[in-house]
Structures are given as C-alpha cells and as structure tokens.
C-alpha cells in the first residue's frame, strides 16, 4: 500500500506567491506534478504519491510561500525537510501513512497532514 495525497486545502492569500506546486522526484516519475491556487479546497482528482524512500531528494517536492519542502514516506512515517531548515514530522508511524492523506497549507505556507 502506498501513501498518496487525496485532498488539499490551500489557505494562502491570493498573491503571486500563493500558488502551490507538488512535483514528484521519484525515479521513473520525475517531473510529474500538480498545482493549486489560493483558496483551493477539495479532492485533487488524481493519484499524487508520497514516495516511499529514505532519500529526501527523491521525495515529493512541495513549493509554498514558506519555500520548498521535500516530503517522503520513510518506514510509514511522513516527514519533510524544508530548504535550509530542519526536518518536520507530518504523520507519525501508525497515524495515517499507507493510505490517503489530506494536506493543508496555512496562510504562511506551513504544511500539516492527516488521514483523509
């Protein structure tokens, strides 16, 4: 079973930086992407995987107003590494990885995730 994003809510303001891009960097899928505008909230209508790997460079790259966060599913834990920043745990082991998740981007571009 793979972890994938089912729904997204983008709470960022309507500015030139308010769009959010999701870009897959998993081998064999490099460049597959999806994007949403400020105010979007709903089912993304496609399969958007969080790669199962321990190599952060092969993760799902999410671009928000805060910057770039590379997200992976490593040992059933969803974590991310912000460019120039520290690692964040978005979903702890046993709390939703391995199924469909929802992503919320707050007005400052921070990410949160939970079971869809």
C-alpha atoms as a PDB file:
ATOM      1  CA  UNK A   1       0.000   0.000   0.000  1.00  0.00           C
ATOM      2  CA  UNK A   2       1.271   3.437  -0.905  1.00  0.00           C
ATOM      3  CA  UNK A   3       0.681   6.793   0.717  1.00  0.00           C
ATOM      4  CA  UNK A   4      -0.922   9.338  -1.558  1.00  0.00           C
ATOM      5  CA  UNK A   5      -2.488  12.752  -1.233  1.00  0.00           C
ATOM      6  CA  UNK A   6      -6.249  12.778  -1.786  1.00  0.00           C
ATOM      7  CA  UNK A   7      -7.302  16.272  -0.719  1.00  0.00           C
ATOM      8  CA  UNK A   8      -5.601  19.648  -0.435  1.00  0.00           C
ATOM      9  CA  UNK A   9      -6.626  22.903   1.236  1.00  0.00           C
ATOM     10  CA  UNK A  10      -4.603  25.988   0.298  1.00  0.00           C
ATOM     11  CA  UNK A  11      -5.242  28.780   2.818  1.00  0.00           C
ATOM     12  CA  UNK A  12      -2.539  31.072   1.438  1.00  0.00           C
ATOM     13  CA  UNK A  13      -3.589  34.561   0.328  1.00  0.00           C
ATOM     14  CA  UNK A  14      -4.201  35.452  -3.300  1.00  0.00           C
ATOM     15  CA  UNK A  15      -0.774  36.833  -4.142  1.00  0.00           C
ATOM     16  CA  UNK A  16       1.803  35.973  -6.755  1.00  0.00           C
ATOM     17  CA  UNK A  17       3.310  33.516  -4.222  1.00  0.00           C
ATOM     18  CA  UNK A  18       0.009  31.907  -3.220  1.00  0.00           C
ATOM     19  CA  UNK A  19       0.029  29.068  -5.738  1.00  0.00           C
ATOM     20  CA  UNK A  20       1.265  25.676  -4.507  1.00  0.00           C
ATOM     21  CA  UNK A  21       3.120  23.190  -6.706  1.00  0.00           C
ATOM     22  CA  UNK A  22       3.630  19.495  -5.961  1.00  0.00           C
ATOM     23  CA  UNK A  23       6.404  17.841  -8.022  1.00  0.00           C
ATOM     24  CA  UNK A  24       7.317  14.149  -7.813  1.00  0.00           C
ATOM     25  CA  UNK A  25      11.056  13.394  -7.886  1.00  0.00           C
ATOM     26  CA  UNK A  26      10.753   9.599  -7.543  1.00  0.00           C
ATOM     27  CA  UNK A  27      12.781   7.681 -10.173  1.00  0.00           C
ATOM     28  CA  UNK A  28      10.567   6.894 -13.143  1.00  0.00           C
ATOM     29  CA  UNK A  29       8.157   9.696 -12.223  1.00  0.00           C
ATOM     30  CA  UNK A  30      10.429  12.745 -12.146  1.00  0.00           C
ATOM     31  CA  UNK A  31       8.561  15.896 -13.093  1.00  0.00           C
ATOM     32  CA  UNK A  32       5.018  14.586 -12.609  1.00  0.00           C
ATOM     33  CA  UNK A  33       3.239  17.496 -10.979  1.00  0.00           C
ATOM     34  CA  UNK A  34       0.019  19.064  -9.765  1.00  0.00           C
ATOM     35  CA  UNK A  35      -0.701  22.620  -8.621  1.00  0.00           C
ATOM     36  CA  UNK A  36      -3.437  24.575  -6.884  1.00  0.00           C
ATOM     37  CA  UNK A  37      -4.331  28.244  -6.474  1.00  0.00           C
ATOM     38  CA  UNK A  38      -5.051  30.127  -3.235  1.00  0.00           C
ATOM     39  CA  UNK A  39      -8.424  29.187  -1.791  1.00  0.00           C
ATOM     40  CA  UNK A  40      -8.489  25.706  -3.342  1.00  0.00           C
ATOM     41  CA  UNK A  41     -10.031  23.101  -1.047  1.00  0.00           C
ATOM     42  CA  UNK A  42     -11.071  19.661  -2.189  1.00  0.00           C
ATOM     43  CA  UNK A  43     -10.212  16.352  -3.786  1.00  0.00           C
ATOM     44  CA  UNK A  44      -7.301  16.697  -6.197  1.00  0.00           C
ATOM     45  CA  UNK A  45      -8.844  14.160  -8.558  1.00  0.00           C
ATOM     46  CA  UNK A  46      -5.669  12.235  -9.279  1.00  0.00           C
ATOM     47  CA  UNK A  47      -3.047   9.976  -7.759  1.00  0.00           C
ATOM     48  CA  UNK A  48      -0.358  12.108  -6.077  1.00  0.00           C
ATOM     49  CA  UNK A  49       2.067   9.773  -4.272  1.00  0.00           C
ATOM     50  CA  UNK A  50       4.387  10.482  -1.364  1.00  0.00           C
ATOM     51  CA  UNK A  51       7.410   8.385  -2.394  1.00  0.00           C
ATOM     52  CA  UNK A  52       8.468   5.591  -0.039  1.00  0.00           C
ATOM     53  CA  UNK A  53      12.201   6.205   0.286  1.00  0.00           C
ATOM     54  CA  UNK A  54      14.860   7.378   2.694  1.00  0.00           C
ATOM     55  CA  UNK A  55      16.390   9.660   0.051  1.00  0.00           C
ATOM     56  CA  UNK A  56      14.869  13.102   0.602  1.00  0.00           C
ATOM     57  CA  UNK A  57      15.925  14.226  -2.891  1.00  0.00           C
ATOM     58  CA  UNK A  58      13.573  11.575  -4.375  1.00  0.00           C
ATOM     59  CA  UNK A  59      10.564  12.820  -2.440  1.00  0.00           C
ATOM     60  CA  UNK A  60       7.503  14.860  -3.312  1.00  0.00           C
ATOM     61  CA  UNK A  61       8.662  18.483  -3.543  1.00  0.00           C
ATOM     62  CA  UNK A  62       6.035  20.924  -2.311  1.00  0.00           C
ATOM     63  CA  UNK A  63       6.526  24.637  -3.062  1.00  0.00           C
ATOM     64  CA  UNK A  64       4.632  27.121  -0.844  1.00  0.00           C
ATOM     65  CA  UNK A  65       5.104  30.737   0.274  1.00  0.00           C
ATOM     66  CA  UNK A  66       7.401  29.411   3.010  1.00  0.00           C
ATOM     67  CA  UNK A  67       9.674  27.783   0.434  1.00  0.00           C
ATOM     68  CA  UNK A  68      10.448  24.251  -0.713  1.00  0.00           C
ATOM     69  CA  UNK A  69       9.701  21.193   1.414  1.00  0.00           C
ATOM     70  CA  UNK A  70      10.792  17.720   0.264  1.00  0.00           C
ATOM     71  CA  UNK A  71       8.386  15.111   1.671  1.00  0.00           C
ATOM     72  CA  UNK A  72       8.914  11.338   1.941  1.00  0.00           C
ATOM     73  CA  UNK A  73       7.242   8.260   3.433  1.00  0.00           C
ATOM     74  CA  UNK A  74      10.072   6.517   5.290  1.00  0.00           C
ATOM     75  CA  UNK A  75       9.156   3.474   7.380  1.00  0.00           C
ATOM     76  CA  UNK A  76       5.458   4.532   7.439  1.00  0.00           C
ATOM     77  CA  UNK A  77       6.275   7.998   8.775  1.00  0.00           C
ATOM     78  CA  UNK A  78       5.646  11.088   6.647  1.00  0.00           C
ATOM     79  CA  UNK A  79       8.369  13.671   7.141  1.00  0.00           C
ATOM     80  CA  UNK A  80       9.651  16.674   5.275  1.00  0.00           C
ATOM     81  CA  UNK A  81      12.793  18.754   5.011  1.00  0.00           C
ATOM     82  CA  UNK A  82      12.377  22.473   4.343  1.00  0.00           C
ATOM     83  CA  UNK A  83      15.076  24.005   2.139  1.00  0.00           C
ATOM     84  CA  UNK A  84      17.615  25.484   4.513  1.00  0.00           C
ATOM     85  CA  UNK A  85      15.617  24.288   7.513  1.00  0.00           C
ATOM     86  CA  UNK A  86      15.012  21.385   9.801  1.00  0.00           C
ATOM     87  CA  UNK A  87      13.093  18.156   9.371  1.00  0.00           C
ATOM     88  CA  UNK A  88       9.424  18.075  10.373  1.00  0.00           C
ATOM     89  CA  UNK A  89       7.297  15.032  11.143  1.00  0.00           C
ATOM     90  CA  UNK A  90       3.899  15.415   9.456  1.00  0.00           C
ATOM     91  CA  UNK A  91       2.431  11.975  10.232  1.00  0.00           C
ATOM     92  CA  UNK A  92       3.892   9.714  12.911  1.00  0.00           C
ATOM     93  CA  UNK A  93       4.192   5.954  12.307  1.00  0.00           C
ATOM     94  CA  UNK A  94       0.805   4.254  12.543  1.00  0.00           C
ATOM     95  CA  UNK A  95      -1.172   7.517  12.292  1.00  0.00           C
ATOM     96  CA  UNK A  96      -2.115   7.581   8.630  1.00  0.00           C
ATOM     97  CA  UNK A  97       0.780   6.670   6.362  1.00  0.00           C
ATOM     98  CA  UNK A  98      -0.016   3.895   3.904  1.00  0.00           C
ATOM     99  CA  UNK A  99      -3.306   5.325   2.695  1.00  0.00           C
ATOM    100  CA  UNK A 100      -4.908   8.533   1.553  1.00  0.00           C
ATOM    101  CA  UNK A 101      -3.981  11.743   3.352  1.00  0.00           C
ATOM    102  CA  UNK A 102      -5.044  15.358   3.323  1.00  0.00           C
ATOM    103  CA  UNK A 103      -2.669  18.305   3.157  1.00  0.00           C
ATOM    104  CA  UNK A 104      -3.381  21.776   4.478  1.00  0.00           C
ATOM    105  CA  UNK A 105      -1.232  24.776   3.600  1.00  0.00           C
ATOM    106  CA  UNK A 106      -1.804  27.550   6.159  1.00  0.00           C
ATOM    107  CA  UNK A 107      -1.691  31.294   5.314  1.00  0.00           C
ATOM    108  CA  UNK A 108       2.079  31.411   5.970  1.00  0.00           C
ATOM    109  CA  UNK A 109       2.828  28.416   3.727  1.00  0.00           C
ATOM    110  CA  UNK A 110       3.333  25.863   6.506  1.00  0.00           C
ATOM    111  CA  UNK A 111       2.187  22.286   5.892  1.00  0.00           C
ATOM    112  CA  UNK A 112       0.080  19.954   8.003  1.00  0.00           C
ATOM    113  CA  UNK A 113      -1.167  16.474   7.123  1.00  0.00           C
ATOM    114  CA  UNK A 114      -3.689  13.954   8.388  1.00  0.00           C
ATOM    115  CA  UNK A 115      -5.741  10.970   7.311  1.00  0.00           C
ATOM    116  CA  UNK A 116      -8.190  11.804   4.524  1.00  0.00           C
END
